[in-house]
C-alpha cells in the first residue's frame, strides 16, 4: 500500500501536481513512518510549494532515519539556501558531498554558499556571484524526485492548534507554546541558522507545526527546549545581541544594528561631570553675601531688625551681654549696650509713651 502511494506521489510530482504529491507522500508516511526516502521526497515537494521550514524538517527526519542517504542533505541544503541560511546549507552539502563525491551538484552549491557567505561578510561584490546551472532529469525517470528549484506556489499555512508567544533578553529569545499535558516524546524541535521547526503529534489531538523563519539568526548548538505540564518553552540563543521586533522574519522590517561605540569620534564623545571635588573660595562668597546685605534697602520692621542686628554684630562681648539681658528682663521694651549699668540691677520695663505695662498672671 505504501509503495503504491509512493509511486503515485512521484507521478503527481513529475506532472507538477505538487500539492497532490505532498498529500500522497504524507499518506505513505502514515503507513510507513520509518522510511527515510519518503521524508526526503516529501521535502522536495515542500520545496516546490515554498514550505521551506517543512522541507528542512522533512530532510532532518530523513537524515535521522538514514544518515547515509545523500539526497536528504541536498534537499536540506536547497531549502536552507532559499531561506538564506548559507552556513547551515554548506554544512549539509559538505556531508552530502562526502557520501556522494561523484555528484557535481554538491561542489557547485558549496561554491555558491561560500560566495553568499563572503557577500554577507562584505568580502565579495554581489555582481561576482555565479548562477548555479540547472540540472534536467528526464520525466520518465521517476525513481527519485528531482532536486531542481523551480518557481513555486505559496501554500496557505494550516491553522494553529495551540497559541504561542515570545519574549526576549539581550542574549536569547524565549518562545512559549501553550499546550497542556503533552508528552515529551510527542514533541520534536529542530533548529537552523534562522529557522525554528516545532512538531507536536500527541495521541488524540490534531498535529501542530510551528515553522517560522526567524527574525534574526540563532546559534543552534546553544538552543534548548523544555516540555512542561502546561506549555513548551523553547530558548533560542541569539547570534547577535539585537532587538527582535517580531518572532518571524519580514522583508518590510529592517534588522536593527548594534551601535559600534568605537566608531564615535573622540571629539564627539559626550563629556561627563567629574567626581573630583572643586575648590570653593568661601571667603569670597561670604564677602559677596555681606556686600549684598549691606546694599539691601529695607523698610519698616525689617529695617529696624537689620539695624539692631548690625549693632549686635559689631558690639563687644559686654555690649552683647547687656543687650540680651536688658531685652529679656524688660519684656522687649529696653535695649541697652551698657553692661556696667545693666549688669548690677534688674532692668525694668519701659513702655512707649501712652502705653501701660501690665504683668500677666498665670
Protein backbone atom coordinates (compact mmCIF):
# COMPACT_ATOMS: atom_id res chain seq x y z
CA UNK A 1 0.00 0.00 0.00
CA UNK A 2 2.75 2.46 0.97
CA UNK A 3 4.76 1.65 -2.18
CA UNK A 4 1.70 2.25 -4.38
CA UNK A 5 1.13 5.64 -2.74
CA UNK A 6 4.80 6.47 -3.18
CA UNK A 7 4.63 5.68 -6.90
CA UNK A 8 1.51 7.82 -7.33
CA UNK A 9 3.18 10.63 -5.39
CA UNK A 10 6.19 10.59 -7.72
CA UNK A 11 3.94 10.60 -10.77
CA UNK A 12 1.98 13.54 -9.38
CA UNK A 13 5.23 15.37 -8.68
CA UNK A 14 6.51 14.99 -12.24
CA UNK A 15 3.13 16.16 -13.52
CA UNK A 16 3.67 19.34 -11.45
CA UNK A 17 0.82 18.43 -9.09
CA UNK A 18 2.90 19.27 -6.04
CA UNK A 19 0.05 19.56 -3.55
CA UNK A 20 -1.28 16.15 -4.56
CA UNK A 21 2.23 14.71 -4.32
CA UNK A 22 2.61 16.18 -0.85
CA UNK A 23 -0.67 14.63 0.27
CA UNK A 24 0.23 11.22 -1.16
CA UNK A 25 3.67 11.28 0.45
CA UNK A 26 2.03 12.13 3.79
CA UNK A 27 -0.33 9.17 3.42
CA UNK A 28 2.58 6.88 2.62
CA UNK A 29 4.49 8.16 5.66
CA UNK A 30 1.45 7.46 7.81
CA UNK A 31 1.65 3.82 6.74
CA UNK A 32 5.44 3.52 6.80
CA UNK A 33 6.87 6.25 9.10
CA UNK A 34 10.34 4.68 9.23
CA UNK A 35 11.21 5.00 5.54
CA UNK A 36 13.71 7.83 5.12
CA UNK A 37 13.21 8.20 1.36
CA UNK A 38 9.57 9.20 1.85
CA UNK A 39 10.60 12.13 4.02
CA UNK A 40 13.34 13.15 1.58
CA UNK A 41 10.91 13.13 -1.35
CA UNK A 42 8.23 14.96 0.61
CA UNK A 43 10.88 17.55 1.45
CA UNK A 44 11.29 18.22 -2.28
CA UNK A 45 7.53 18.60 -2.70
CA UNK A 46 7.56 21.09 0.16
CA UNK A 47 10.36 22.99 -1.56
CA UNK A 48 8.23 23.27 -4.70
CA UNK A 49 5.35 24.63 -2.61
CA UNK A 50 7.70 27.03 -0.81
CA UNK A 51 7.04 25.30 2.52
CA UNK A 52 10.70 25.74 3.31
CA UNK A 53 10.70 25.14 7.09
CA UNK A 54 8.63 21.97 6.45
CA UNK A 55 11.17 20.90 3.86
CA UNK A 56 14.02 21.34 6.35
CA UNK A 57 12.09 19.35 8.97
CA UNK A 58 11.45 16.50 6.50
CA UNK A 59 15.08 16.47 5.41
CA UNK A 60 16.22 16.35 9.03
CA UNK A 61 13.88 13.41 9.67
CA UNK A 62 15.23 11.59 6.62
CA UNK A 63 18.80 12.17 7.85
CA UNK A 64 17.82 10.90 11.28
CA UNK A 65 16.38 7.68 9.81
CA UNK A 66 19.15 7.13 7.25
CA UNK A 67 22.29 9.28 7.67
CA UNK A 68 23.89 7.65 4.60
CA UNK A 69 21.34 8.90 2.04
CA UNK A 70 22.99 11.81 0.25
CA UNK A 71 19.88 13.32 -1.31
CA UNK A 72 18.49 14.16 2.14
CA UNK A 73 21.41 16.55 2.64
CA UNK A 74 20.83 18.02 -0.81
CA UNK A 75 17.16 18.68 -0.01
CA UNK A 76 18.06 20.27 3.31
CA UNK A 77 20.69 22.47 1.68
CA UNK A 78 18.30 23.56 -1.09
CA UNK A 79 15.67 24.67 1.43
CA UNK A 80 18.24 26.39 3.65
CA UNK A 81 19.70 28.31 0.71
CA UNK A 82 16.25 29.60 -0.18
CA UNK A 83 15.96 30.68 3.44
CA UNK A 84 19.37 32.38 3.06
CA UNK A 85 20.85 30.13 5.74
CA UNK A 86 24.07 29.55 3.88
CA UNK A 87 26.16 28.30 6.79
CA UNK A 88 23.64 25.54 7.56
CA UNK A 89 23.30 24.73 3.87
CA UNK A 90 27.06 24.50 3.41
CA UNK A 91 27.42 22.10 6.35
CA UNK A 92 24.72 19.83 4.89
CA UNK A 93 26.32 19.96 1.43
CA UNK A 94 29.75 19.05 2.75
CA UNK A 95 28.30 15.98 4.48
CA UNK A 96 26.39 15.01 1.35
CA UNK A 97 29.46 15.51 -0.85
CA UNK A 98 31.42 13.11 1.35
CA UNK A 99 28.69 10.50 0.81
CA UNK A 100 28.39 11.10 -2.95
CA UNK A 101 31.70 12.52 -4.23
CA UNK A 102 30.70 11.82 -7.85
CA UNK A 103 27.69 14.16 -7.66
CA UNK A 104 28.84 17.53 -9.01
CA UNK A 105 25.79 19.34 -7.63
CA UNK A 106 27.29 19.34 -4.15
CA UNK A 107 30.51 21.08 -5.18
CA UNK A 108 28.65 23.68 -7.25
CA UNK A 109 26.25 24.50 -4.43
CA UNK A 110 29.08 24.60 -1.89
CA UNK A 111 30.80 27.18 -4.07
CA UNK A 112 27.63 29.26 -4.22
CA UNK A 113 27.24 29.06 -0.44
CA UNK A 114 30.81 30.22 0.04
CA UNK A 115 30.21 33.17 -2.28
CA UNK A 116 26.99 34.09 -0.49
CA UNK A 117 28.69 33.87 2.89
CA UNK A 118 31.52 36.06 1.61
CA UNK A 119 28.95 38.54 0.32
CA UNK A 120 27.23 38.65 3.72
CA UNK A 121 30.59 39.34 5.35
CA UNK A 122 31.31 42.12 2.88
CA UNK A 123 34.17 40.23 1.26
CA UNK A 124 32.70 39.81 -2.23
CA UNK A 125 30.62 42.07 -4.51
CA UNK A 126 27.21 40.68 -5.32
CA UNK A 127 27.84 41.00 -9.06
CA UNK A 128 30.54 38.32 -8.95
CA UNK A 129 28.16 35.59 -7.84
CA UNK A 130 27.62 32.84 -10.38
CA UNK A 131 24.33 31.21 -11.25
CA UNK A 132 24.11 27.52 -10.44
CA UNK A 133 23.38 25.52 -13.62
CA UNK A 134 20.01 23.82 -13.71
CA UNK A 135 20.09 20.05 -13.96
CA UNK A 136 17.42 18.35 -16.07
CA UNK A 137 16.05 14.95 -15.17
CA UNK A 138 14.01 13.06 -17.80
CA UNK A 139 10.32 12.85 -16.96
CA UNK A 140 10.31 9.11 -17.49
CA UNK A 141 12.78 8.61 -14.64
CA UNK A 142 10.59 8.51 -11.54
CA UNK A 143 12.93 6.52 -9.32
CA UNK A 144 13.62 9.68 -7.31
CA UNK A 145 12.32 13.21 -7.22
CA UNK A 146 14.46 15.85 -8.95
CA UNK A 147 16.30 18.45 -6.87
CA UNK A 148 15.86 21.41 -9.20
CA UNK A 149 14.50 24.66 -7.73
CA UNK A 150 11.56 25.90 -9.84
CA UNK A 151 9.09 28.77 -9.44
CA UNK A 152 6.82 27.90 -6.56
CA UNK A 153 3.28 28.40 -5.42
CA UNK A 154 2.93 29.51 -1.81
CA UNK A 155 0.63 27.26 0.20
CA UNK A 156 -1.58 28.70 2.92
CA UNK A 157 -0.32 27.79 6.41
CA UNK A 158 -2.53 25.50 8.48
CA UNK A 159 -4.49 26.89 11.39
CA UNK A 160 -2.57 26.64 14.65
CA UNK A 161 -3.83 24.23 17.28
CA UNK A 162 -2.02 25.97 20.15
CA UNK A 163 -1.33 29.59 20.94
CA UNK A 164 2.27 30.77 21.10
CA UNK A 165 4.07 33.94 22.11
CA UNK A 166 7.63 35.10 22.71
CA UNK A 167 9.71 37.44 24.81
CA UNK A 168 13.39 38.22 24.66
CA UNK A 169 16.52 39.04 26.58
CA UNK A 170 19.72 40.53 25.16
CA UNK A 171 21.18 37.06 24.64
CA UNK A 172 18.14 34.88 23.88
CA UNK A 173 14.55 34.67 22.66
CA UNK A 174 12.09 32.53 24.61
CA UNK A 175 9.19 31.04 22.62
CA UNK A 176 6.29 29.62 24.64
CA UNK A 177 3.72 27.25 23.12
CA UNK A 178 0.70 26.85 25.40
CA UNK A 179 -0.01 23.12 25.12
CA UNK A 180 -1.19 21.21 28.20
CA UNK A 181 -0.38 17.61 29.00
CA UNK A 182 1.85 16.90 26.00
CA UNK A 183 4.33 14.01 26.49
CA UNK A 184 7.91 14.95 25.72
CA UNK A 185 8.26 12.12 23.20
CA UNK A 186 5.48 13.73 21.14
CA UNK A 187 7.45 16.96 20.69
CA UNK A 188 10.10 17.38 18.02
CA UNK A 189 12.14 20.59 17.81
CA UNK A 190 14.78 21.39 15.19
CA UNK A 191 16.91 24.50 14.82
CA UNK A 192 18.53 26.06 11.79
CA UNK A 193 20.65 29.13 11.26
CA UNK A 194 17.50 31.25 11.05
CA UNK A 195 14.63 28.77 11.30
CA UNK A 196 12.74 27.02 14.06
CA UNK A 197 10.77 23.83 13.43
CA UNK A 198 8.39 22.53 16.09
CA UNK A 199 6.16 19.49 15.57
CA UNK A 200 3.69 18.24 18.18
CA UNK A 201 1.96 14.93 17.46
CA UNK A 202 0.03 13.93 20.58
CA UNK A 203 -2.38 10.96 20.56
CA UNK A 204 -5.99 12.01 20.10
CA UNK A 205 -5.08 15.59 19.15
CA UNK A 206 -4.55 17.41 15.88
CA UNK A 207 -0.96 17.68 14.73
CA UNK A 208 0.66 21.04 15.38
CA UNK A 209 3.50 22.63 13.43
CA UNK A 210 5.31 25.90 14.06
CA UNK A 211 8.00 26.53 11.47
CA UNK A 212 8.78 30.22 11.10
CA UNK A 213 11.75 31.82 9.50
CA UNK A 214 13.11 33.74 12.46
CA UNK A 215 13.64 37.49 12.69
CA UNK A 216 17.35 37.06 13.34
CA UNK A 217 19.99 34.36 13.28
CA UNK A 218 20.49 31.95 16.17
CA UNK A 219 23.15 29.55 17.42
CA UNK A 220 21.55 26.08 17.03
CA UNK A 221 24.01 24.29 19.33
CA UNK A 222 23.10 26.60 22.22
CA UNK A 223 19.32 26.37 21.78
CA UNK A 224 17.22 24.13 24.02
CA UNK A 225 13.63 23.37 24.92
CA UNK A 226 11.61 22.05 27.87
CA UNK A 227 8.23 20.32 27.85
CA UNK A 228 6.33 21.35 30.97
CA UNK A 229 2.90 20.37 32.27
CA UNK A 230 1.10 23.27 30.61
CA UNK A 231 3.49 24.58 27.97
CA UNK A 232 6.51 24.00 25.74
CA UNK A 233 9.29 26.50 26.34
CA UNK A 234 11.95 26.98 23.66
CA UNK A 235 15.06 29.07 24.29
CA UNK A 236 16.78 30.39 21.16
CA UNK A 237 20.33 31.68 21.59
CA UNK A 238 20.78 34.88 19.57
CA UNK A 239 23.75 35.03 17.22
CA UNK A 240 23.81 38.81 17.69
CA UNK A 241 22.56 40.91 20.62
CA UNK A 242 19.97 42.80 18.59
CA UNK A 243 16.35 43.62 19.43
CA UNK A 244 13.84 41.40 17.62
CA UNK A 245 10.75 43.41 16.69
CA UNK A 246 8.89 40.18 15.87
CA UNK A 247 9.42 36.44 16.01
CA UNK A 248 9.22 35.93 12.25
CA UNK A 249 11.38 37.49 9.56
CA UNK A 250 9.81 40.10 7.31
CA UNK A 251 11.29 41.92 4.34
CA UNK A 252 9.42 45.04 5.46
CA UNK A 253 11.14 45.18 8.86
CA UNK A 254 14.75 46.32 8.95
CA UNK A 255 17.02 44.44 11.33
CA UNK A 256 18.31 46.88 13.95
CA UNK A 257 22.06 47.28 14.01
CA UNK A 258 24.25 47.25 17.05
CA UNK A 259 25.89 50.54 17.95
CA UNK A 260 29.64 50.48 17.47
CA UNK A 261 30.91 52.66 20.28
CA UNK A 262 34.47 52.65 18.95
CA UNK A 263 33.32 54.38 15.77
CA UNK A 264 32.34 57.54 17.63
CA UNK A 265 34.91 60.24 17.02
CA UNK A 266 36.88 61.37 20.03
CA UNK A 267 35.80 64.97 19.59
CA UNK A 268 32.16 63.89 19.53
CA UNK A 269 32.23 61.90 22.72
CA UNK A 270 29.97 63.30 25.43
CA UNK A 271 31.58 64.84 28.46
CA UNK A 272 30.58 63.72 31.93
CA UNK A 273 30.77 65.59 35.24
CA UNK A 274 33.89 64.81 37.20
CA UNK A 275 33.71 63.31 40.68
CA UNK A 276 36.81 65.28 41.68
CA UNK A 277 35.80 67.95 44.25
CA UNK A 278 36.15 71.54 43.12
CA UNK A 279 37.85 74.13 45.32
CA UNK A 280 35.38 76.69 46.68
CA UNK A 281 36.50 80.15 47.82
CA UNK A 282 34.24 80.55 50.84
CA UNK A 283 35.84 83.87 51.86
CA UNK A 284 34.86 85.33 48.52
CA UNK A 285 31.30 84.03 48.85
CA UNK A 286 30.98 85.43 52.39
CA UNK A 287 32.23 88.82 51.29
CA UNK A 288 29.75 88.84 48.43
CA UNK A 289 26.86 87.99 50.77
CA UNK A 290 27.86 90.72 53.22
CA UNK A 291 28.07 93.26 50.44
CA UNK A 292 24.60 92.31 49.19
CA UNK A 293 23.16 92.55 52.72
CA UNK A 294 24.78 95.93 53.26
CA UNK A 295 23.48 97.32 50.00
CA UNK A 296 20.00 95.93 50.59
CA UNK A 297 17.33 98.61 51.08
CA UNK A 298 14.75 97.67 53.75
CA UNK A 299 11.69 99.38 55.22
CA UNK A 300 9.67 99.16 58.45
CA UNK A 301 10.34 96.37 60.93
CA UNK A 302 12.81 94.72 58.56
CA UNK A 303 14.94 97.86 58.55
CA UNK A 304 14.74 98.13 62.37
CA UNK A 305 15.70 94.49 62.86
CA UNK A 306 18.63 94.93 60.50
CA UNK A 307 19.72 98.00 62.48
CA UNK A 308 19.72 96.05 65.78
CA UNK A 309 21.44 93.09 64.12
CA UNK A 310 24.24 95.32 62.84
CA UNK A 311 24.71 96.82 66.33
CA UNK A 312 24.87 93.36 67.91
CA UNK A 313 27.29 92.09 65.25
CA UNK A 314 29.74 94.97 65.71
CA UNK A 315 29.49 95.07 69.55
CA UNK A 316 31.99 93.62 72.02
CA UNK A 317 31.17 90.84 74.49
CA UNK A 318 29.95 93.14 77.31
CA UNK A 319 27.71 95.11 74.98
CA UNK A 320 26.14 91.89 73.66
CA UNK A 321 25.50 90.65 77.21
CA UNK A 322 23.89 93.98 78.07
CA UNK A 323 21.65 93.85 75.00
CA UNK A 324 20.48 90.32 75.77
CA UNK A 325 19.83 90.98 79.50
CA UNK A 326 18.03 94.27 79.01
CA UNK A 327 15.83 92.96 76.21
CA UNK A 328 14.74 89.84 78.13
CA UNK A 329 14.16 91.47 81.54
CA UNK A 330 12.23 94.43 80.10
CA UNK A 331 10.00 92.18 78.01
CA UNK A 332 11.39 93.68 74.84
CA UNK A 333 10.88 97.33 75.81
CA UNK A 334 14.51 98.22 76.62
CA UNK A 335 17.72 97.56 74.65
CA UNK A 336 20.93 98.72 76.33
CA UNK A 337 24.60 98.26 75.43
CA UNK A 338 25.93 99.49 78.80
CA UNK A 339 26.88 96.40 80.78
CA UNK A 340 28.09 98.38 83.79
CA UNK A 341 24.61 99.81 84.26
CA UNK A 342 22.60 96.74 83.25
CA UNK A 343 24.79 94.16 84.97
CA UNK A 344 24.21 95.40 88.54
CA UNK A 345 20.42 95.50 88.61
CA UNK A 346 17.29 94.18 87.05
CA UNK A 347 16.10 96.11 84.05
CA UNK A 348 12.54 97.28 84.44
CA UNK A 349 10.20 97.54 81.52
CA UNK A 350 9.72 100.94 79.94
CA UNK A 351 6.67 101.06 77.68
CA UNK A 352 6.36 103.73 74.98
CA UNK A 353 4.53 106.95 75.75
CA UNK A 354 0.78 106.50 76.04
CA UNK A 355 1.04 102.78 76.85
CA UNK A 356 0.89 100.91 80.16
CA UNK A 357 2.98 97.89 81.12
CA UNK A 358 0.98 95.06 82.70
CA UNK A 359 2.11 91.80 84.21
CA UNK A 360 0.40 88.62 83.20
CA UNK A 361 -0.68 86.23 85.92
CA UNK A 362 -0.56 82.52 85.17
